[in-house]
């Protein structure tokens, strides 16, 4: 986050928000008494979650697009992927190129 220009004091606040988080599950018969610690991921429905996800995912997608050879054109725009919130839709002209794009993206995340 520092490389994106986010001040250190905001990073500290975000880290504190995500420290010692617990959940309780409602399985239809009421909320469980037992809680579980959450050690990874972002909070579902939390306004900051989309921002944090996009900060991380932006770099992954940039690297992936540099490695990807195929692109689709729409008017003057070039695109391989549509992103919304924390979802991605990969666009390709053939099934083989789609499989290659998914495989490459999988390897970028390793």
N, C-alpha and C. Protein backbone atom coordinates (compact mmCIF):
# COMPACT_ATOMS: atom_id res chain seq x y z
N UNK A 1 0.81 -1.18 0.00
CA UNK A 1 0.00 0.00 0.00
C UNK A 1 0.86 1.26 0.00
N UNK A 2 2.02 1.15 0.61
CA UNK A 2 2.93 2.29 0.59
C UNK A 2 3.32 2.66 -0.83
N UNK A 3 3.51 1.64 -1.69
CA UNK A 3 3.90 1.92 -3.07
C UNK A 3 2.78 2.59 -3.86
N UNK A 4 1.56 2.52 -3.37
CA UNK A 4 0.42 3.18 -4.01
C UNK A 4 0.19 4.57 -3.44
N UNK A 5 1.04 5.00 -2.50
CA UNK A 5 0.93 6.34 -1.94
C UNK A 5 -0.01 6.45 -0.75
N UNK A 6 -0.40 5.33 -0.17
CA UNK A 6 -1.28 5.36 0.99
C UNK A 6 -0.42 5.65 2.23
N UNK A 7 -0.79 6.66 3.00
CA UNK A 7 0.02 7.04 4.16
C UNK A 7 0.09 5.92 5.20
N UNK A 8 1.20 5.88 5.89
CA UNK A 8 1.47 4.84 6.89
C UNK A 8 0.40 4.80 7.98
N UNK A 9 -0.10 5.95 8.41
CA UNK A 9 -1.10 5.96 9.48
C UNK A 9 -2.41 5.30 9.02
N UNK A 10 -2.77 5.44 7.72
CA UNK A 10 -3.97 4.76 7.22
C UNK A 10 -3.75 3.25 7.11
N UNK A 11 -2.55 2.86 6.73
CA UNK A 11 -2.23 1.43 6.67
C UNK A 11 -2.36 0.81 8.06
N UNK A 12 -1.88 1.51 9.08
CA UNK A 12 -1.99 1.03 10.46
C UNK A 12 -3.45 0.88 10.87
N UNK A 13 -4.28 1.84 10.51
CA UNK A 13 -5.72 1.75 10.84
C UNK A 13 -6.35 0.55 10.15
N UNK A 14 -6.04 0.35 8.88
CA UNK A 14 -6.59 -0.78 8.13
C UNK A 14 -6.14 -2.10 8.75
N UNK A 15 -4.88 -2.17 9.15
CA UNK A 15 -4.37 -3.39 9.78
C UNK A 15 -5.12 -3.67 11.08
N UNK A 16 -5.41 -2.64 11.85
CA UNK A 16 -6.14 -2.83 13.10
C UNK A 16 -7.58 -3.27 12.86
N UNK A 17 -8.19 -2.77 11.78
CA UNK A 17 -9.55 -3.19 11.43
C UNK A 17 -9.58 -4.69 11.15
N UNK A 18 -8.52 -5.20 10.53
CA UNK A 18 -8.48 -6.60 10.13
C UNK A 18 -7.75 -7.50 11.12
N UNK A 19 -7.47 -7.02 12.30
CA UNK A 19 -6.81 -7.83 13.33
C UNK A 19 -7.86 -8.38 14.29
N UNK A 20 -7.70 -9.64 14.63
CA UNK A 20 -8.59 -10.32 15.59
C UNK A 20 -10.06 -10.23 15.19
N UNK A 21 -10.36 -10.67 13.97
CA UNK A 21 -11.73 -10.73 13.50
C UNK A 21 -12.30 -12.12 13.74
N UNK A 22 -13.56 -12.16 14.14
CA UNK A 22 -14.24 -13.42 14.41
C UNK A 22 -15.60 -13.40 13.73
N UNK A 23 -16.09 -14.61 13.40
CA UNK A 23 -17.43 -14.74 12.83
C UNK A 23 -18.23 -15.75 13.62
N UNK A 24 -19.54 -15.59 13.56
CA UNK A 24 -20.47 -16.61 14.05
C UNK A 24 -21.43 -16.90 12.91
N UNK A 25 -21.82 -18.15 12.76
CA UNK A 25 -22.59 -18.58 11.60
C UNK A 25 -24.06 -18.75 11.97
N UNK A 26 -24.94 -18.31 11.05
CA UNK A 26 -26.37 -18.56 11.18
C UNK A 26 -26.72 -19.62 10.15
N UNK A 27 -27.02 -20.83 10.60
CA UNK A 27 -27.32 -21.95 9.72
C UNK A 27 -28.82 -22.16 9.59
N UNK A 28 -29.60 -21.13 9.86
CA UNK A 28 -31.04 -21.24 9.72
C UNK A 28 -31.76 -21.50 11.02
N UNK A 29 -31.03 -21.96 12.02
CA UNK A 29 -31.65 -22.24 13.32
C UNK A 29 -31.08 -21.31 14.39
N UNK A 30 -30.69 -20.14 13.99
CA UNK A 30 -30.13 -19.17 14.93
C UNK A 30 -28.63 -19.07 14.79
N UNK A 31 -28.09 -18.00 15.32
CA UNK A 31 -26.65 -17.76 15.24
C UNK A 31 -25.94 -18.65 16.25
N UNK A 32 -24.87 -19.30 15.78
CA UNK A 32 -24.12 -20.22 16.64
C UNK A 32 -23.44 -19.46 17.78
N UNK A 33 -23.26 -20.16 18.87
CA UNK A 33 -22.55 -19.57 20.01
C UNK A 33 -21.05 -19.59 19.81
N UNK A 34 -20.57 -20.56 19.03
CA UNK A 34 -19.13 -20.70 18.79
C UNK A 34 -18.67 -19.71 17.72
N UNK A 35 -17.58 -19.03 17.97
CA UNK A 35 -17.04 -18.12 16.97
C UNK A 35 -15.74 -18.69 16.42
N UNK A 36 -15.41 -18.26 15.21
CA UNK A 36 -14.18 -18.69 14.55
C UNK A 36 -13.37 -17.47 14.14
N UNK A 37 -12.07 -17.58 14.27
CA UNK A 37 -11.18 -16.48 13.88
C UNK A 37 -11.04 -16.46 12.35
N UNK A 38 -10.96 -15.26 11.79
CA UNK A 38 -10.72 -15.09 10.37
C UNK A 38 -9.30 -14.57 10.20
N UNK A 39 -8.49 -15.33 9.46
CA UNK A 39 -7.08 -14.98 9.33
C UNK A 39 -6.72 -14.42 7.96
N UNK A 40 -7.63 -14.47 6.99
CA UNK A 40 -7.31 -13.98 5.66
C UNK A 40 -8.57 -13.48 4.95
N UNK A 41 -8.37 -12.79 3.85
CA UNK A 41 -9.49 -12.28 3.08
C UNK A 41 -9.96 -10.92 3.56
N UNK A 42 -10.95 -10.40 2.87
CA UNK A 42 -11.54 -9.12 3.24
C UNK A 42 -12.95 -9.35 3.75
N UNK A 43 -13.46 -8.40 4.51
CA UNK A 43 -14.80 -8.53 5.07
C UNK A 43 -15.84 -8.42 3.96
N UNK A 44 -16.81 -9.33 3.98
CA UNK A 44 -17.90 -9.29 3.01
C UNK A 44 -18.83 -8.13 3.32
N UNK A 45 -19.14 -7.32 2.30
CA UNK A 45 -20.07 -6.22 2.47
C UNK A 45 -19.49 -4.99 3.13
N UNK A 46 -18.22 -5.02 3.48
CA UNK A 46 -17.58 -3.89 4.14
C UNK A 46 -17.11 -2.92 3.06
N UNK A 47 -17.42 -1.63 3.16
CA UNK A 47 -17.07 -0.68 2.09
C UNK A 47 -15.59 -0.65 1.73
N UNK A 48 -14.72 -0.88 2.66
CA UNK A 48 -13.29 -0.84 2.40
C UNK A 48 -12.81 -2.08 1.64
N UNK A 49 -13.57 -3.16 1.68
CA UNK A 49 -13.15 -4.41 1.05
C UNK A 49 -12.90 -4.26 -0.44
N UNK A 50 -13.77 -3.54 -1.14
CA UNK A 50 -13.59 -3.36 -2.59
C UNK A 50 -12.33 -2.57 -2.90
N UNK A 51 -12.05 -1.58 -2.10
CA UNK A 51 -10.85 -0.77 -2.31
C UNK A 51 -9.60 -1.62 -2.10
N UNK A 52 -9.57 -2.40 -1.02
CA UNK A 52 -8.41 -3.25 -0.75
C UNK A 52 -8.23 -4.29 -1.84
N UNK A 53 -9.34 -4.90 -2.26
CA UNK A 53 -9.27 -5.90 -3.32
C UNK A 53 -8.72 -5.28 -4.61
N UNK A 54 -9.23 -4.09 -4.97
CA UNK A 54 -8.79 -3.45 -6.20
C UNK A 54 -7.33 -3.02 -6.15
N UNK A 55 -6.85 -2.59 -4.98
CA UNK A 55 -5.43 -2.25 -4.85
C UNK A 55 -4.56 -3.46 -5.15
N UNK A 56 -4.96 -4.61 -4.64
CA UNK A 56 -4.19 -5.84 -4.87
C UNK A 56 -4.37 -6.33 -6.31
N UNK A 57 -5.62 -6.40 -6.75
CA UNK A 57 -5.93 -7.02 -8.04
C UNK A 57 -5.41 -6.19 -9.21
N UNK A 58 -5.30 -4.89 -9.04
CA UNK A 58 -4.82 -4.02 -10.12
C UNK A 58 -3.44 -4.48 -10.61
N UNK A 59 -2.55 -4.75 -9.69
CA UNK A 59 -1.20 -5.18 -10.07
C UNK A 59 -1.22 -6.55 -10.74
N UNK A 60 -2.04 -7.45 -10.23
CA UNK A 60 -2.14 -8.79 -10.82
C UNK A 60 -2.64 -8.70 -12.26
N UNK A 61 -3.69 -7.92 -12.48
CA UNK A 61 -4.27 -7.80 -13.82
C UNK A 61 -3.28 -7.12 -14.77
N UNK A 62 -2.57 -6.10 -14.31
CA UNK A 62 -1.58 -5.44 -15.17
C UNK A 62 -0.51 -6.43 -15.63
N UNK A 63 -0.01 -7.24 -14.70
CA UNK A 63 1.00 -8.24 -15.05
C UNK A 63 0.42 -9.27 -16.00
N UNK A 64 -0.81 -9.73 -15.72
CA UNK A 64 -1.48 -10.73 -16.56
C UNK A 64 -1.68 -10.21 -17.98
N UNK A 65 -2.12 -8.96 -18.13
CA UNK A 65 -2.35 -8.39 -19.45
C UNK A 65 -1.06 -8.23 -20.24
N UNK A 66 0.04 -7.97 -19.56
CA UNK A 66 1.33 -7.88 -20.24
C UNK A 66 1.74 -9.23 -20.82
N UNK A 67 1.41 -10.30 -20.11
CA UNK A 67 1.77 -11.65 -20.56
C UNK A 67 0.80 -12.20 -21.59
N UNK A 68 -0.43 -11.73 -21.58
CA UNK A 68 -1.48 -12.23 -22.47
C UNK A 68 -1.28 -11.66 -23.86
N UNK A 69 -1.40 -12.50 -24.87
CA UNK A 69 -1.13 -12.06 -26.24
C UNK A 69 -2.39 -11.67 -27.01
N UNK A 70 -3.56 -12.16 -26.63
CA UNK A 70 -4.77 -11.89 -27.41
C UNK A 70 -5.59 -10.79 -26.76
N UNK A 71 -6.26 -10.01 -27.61
CA UNK A 71 -7.11 -8.92 -27.14
C UNK A 71 -8.35 -8.85 -28.01
N UNK A 72 -9.44 -8.34 -27.46
CA UNK A 72 -10.67 -8.11 -28.20
C UNK A 72 -10.82 -6.60 -28.35
N UNK A 73 -11.36 -6.19 -29.47
CA UNK A 73 -11.50 -4.76 -29.74
C UNK A 73 -12.98 -4.39 -29.77
N UNK A 74 -13.30 -3.26 -29.18
CA UNK A 74 -14.64 -2.70 -29.21
C UNK A 74 -14.47 -1.22 -29.49
N UNK A 75 -14.84 -0.83 -30.71
CA UNK A 75 -14.57 0.53 -31.18
C UNK A 75 -13.07 0.77 -31.05
N UNK A 76 -12.64 1.72 -30.22
CA UNK A 76 -11.22 1.99 -30.09
C UNK A 76 -10.63 1.43 -28.80
N UNK A 77 -11.43 0.69 -28.06
CA UNK A 77 -10.97 0.13 -26.79
C UNK A 77 -10.47 -1.29 -26.99
N UNK A 78 -9.43 -1.64 -26.29
CA UNK A 78 -8.89 -3.00 -26.30
C UNK A 78 -9.16 -3.60 -24.93
N UNK A 79 -9.74 -4.80 -24.89
CA UNK A 79 -9.98 -5.41 -23.59
C UNK A 79 -9.90 -6.92 -23.66
N UNK A 80 -9.52 -7.52 -22.57
CA UNK A 80 -9.44 -8.97 -22.41
C UNK A 80 -10.31 -9.43 -21.27
N UNK A 81 -10.75 -8.47 -20.47
CA UNK A 81 -11.37 -8.83 -19.21
C UNK A 81 -12.30 -7.72 -18.75
N UNK A 82 -13.40 -8.10 -18.15
CA UNK A 82 -14.28 -7.14 -17.50
C UNK A 82 -14.22 -7.42 -16.00
N UNK A 83 -14.06 -6.38 -15.21
CA UNK A 83 -13.96 -6.52 -13.76
C UNK A 83 -15.08 -5.74 -13.10
N UNK A 84 -15.72 -6.37 -12.14
CA UNK A 84 -16.73 -5.69 -11.34
C UNK A 84 -16.61 -6.18 -9.91
N UNK A 85 -16.38 -5.25 -9.02
CA UNK A 85 -16.22 -5.57 -7.61
C UNK A 85 -15.10 -6.58 -7.46
N UNK A 86 -15.40 -7.81 -7.04
CA UNK A 86 -14.34 -8.82 -6.92
C UNK A 86 -14.58 -9.97 -7.89
N UNK A 87 -15.22 -9.68 -9.02
CA UNK A 87 -15.48 -10.68 -10.05
C UNK A 87 -14.73 -10.31 -11.32
N UNK A 88 -14.36 -11.33 -12.08
CA UNK A 88 -13.67 -11.11 -13.35
C UNK A 88 -14.33 -11.96 -14.42
N UNK A 89 -14.52 -11.37 -15.58
CA UNK A 89 -15.06 -12.05 -16.75
C UNK A 89 -13.99 -11.98 -17.83
N UNK A 90 -13.45 -13.13 -18.23
CA UNK A 90 -12.37 -13.17 -19.22
C UNK A 90 -12.99 -13.34 -20.61
N UNK A 91 -12.53 -12.52 -21.55
CA UNK A 91 -13.06 -12.51 -22.91
C UNK A 91 -12.00 -13.07 -23.86
N UNK A 92 -12.42 -13.97 -24.74
CA UNK A 92 -11.49 -14.56 -25.69
C UNK A 92 -12.22 -14.91 -26.98
N UNK A 93 -11.46 -15.01 -28.07
CA UNK A 93 -12.07 -15.33 -29.36
C UNK A 93 -12.22 -16.84 -29.59
N UNK A 94 -11.43 -17.65 -28.90
CA UNK A 94 -11.55 -19.11 -29.05
C UNK A 94 -11.50 -19.77 -27.67
N UNK A 95 -11.99 -20.97 -27.63
CA UNK A 95 -11.94 -21.73 -26.38
C UNK A 95 -10.50 -22.00 -25.96
N UNK A 96 -9.64 -22.27 -26.93
CA UNK A 96 -8.22 -22.52 -26.63
C UNK A 96 -7.56 -21.28 -26.02
N UNK A 97 -7.82 -20.11 -26.59
CA UNK A 97 -7.25 -18.88 -26.03
C UNK A 97 -7.83 -18.56 -24.66
N UNK A 98 -9.09 -18.89 -24.46
CA UNK A 98 -9.69 -18.70 -23.14
C UNK A 98 -8.99 -19.57 -22.10
N UNK A 99 -8.75 -20.83 -22.45
CA UNK A 99 -8.05 -21.73 -21.54
C UNK A 99 -6.65 -21.24 -21.24
N UNK A 100 -5.96 -20.74 -22.25
CA UNK A 100 -4.62 -20.20 -22.04
C UNK A 100 -4.66 -18.99 -21.11
N UNK A 101 -5.66 -18.13 -21.29
CA UNK A 101 -5.78 -16.93 -20.44
C UNK A 101 -6.05 -17.32 -18.99
N UNK A 102 -6.93 -18.29 -18.79
CA UNK A 102 -7.24 -18.75 -17.42
C UNK A 102 -6.01 -19.39 -16.80
N UNK A 103 -5.30 -20.21 -17.55
CA UNK A 103 -4.09 -20.87 -17.04
C UNK A 103 -3.03 -19.82 -16.67
N UNK A 104 -2.84 -18.84 -17.52
CA UNK A 104 -1.87 -17.78 -17.25
C UNK A 104 -2.25 -17.00 -16.01
N UNK A 105 -3.53 -16.66 -15.89
CA UNK A 105 -3.98 -15.93 -14.69
C UNK A 105 -3.76 -16.77 -13.44
N UNK A 106 -4.04 -18.06 -13.52
CA UNK A 106 -3.81 -18.96 -12.38
C UNK A 106 -2.33 -18.94 -11.98
N UNK A 107 -1.44 -18.96 -12.95
CA UNK A 107 -0.01 -18.94 -12.66
C UNK A 107 0.45 -17.61 -12.09
N UNK A 108 -0.18 -16.52 -12.49
CA UNK A 108 0.15 -15.21 -11.94
C UNK A 108 -0.16 -15.18 -10.46
N UNK A 109 -1.23 -15.84 -10.03
CA UNK A 109 -1.64 -15.84 -8.63
C UNK A 109 -0.80 -16.76 -7.77
N UNK A 110 -0.02 -17.66 -8.36
CA UNK A 110 0.80 -18.59 -7.57
C UNK A 110 1.87 -17.86 -6.81
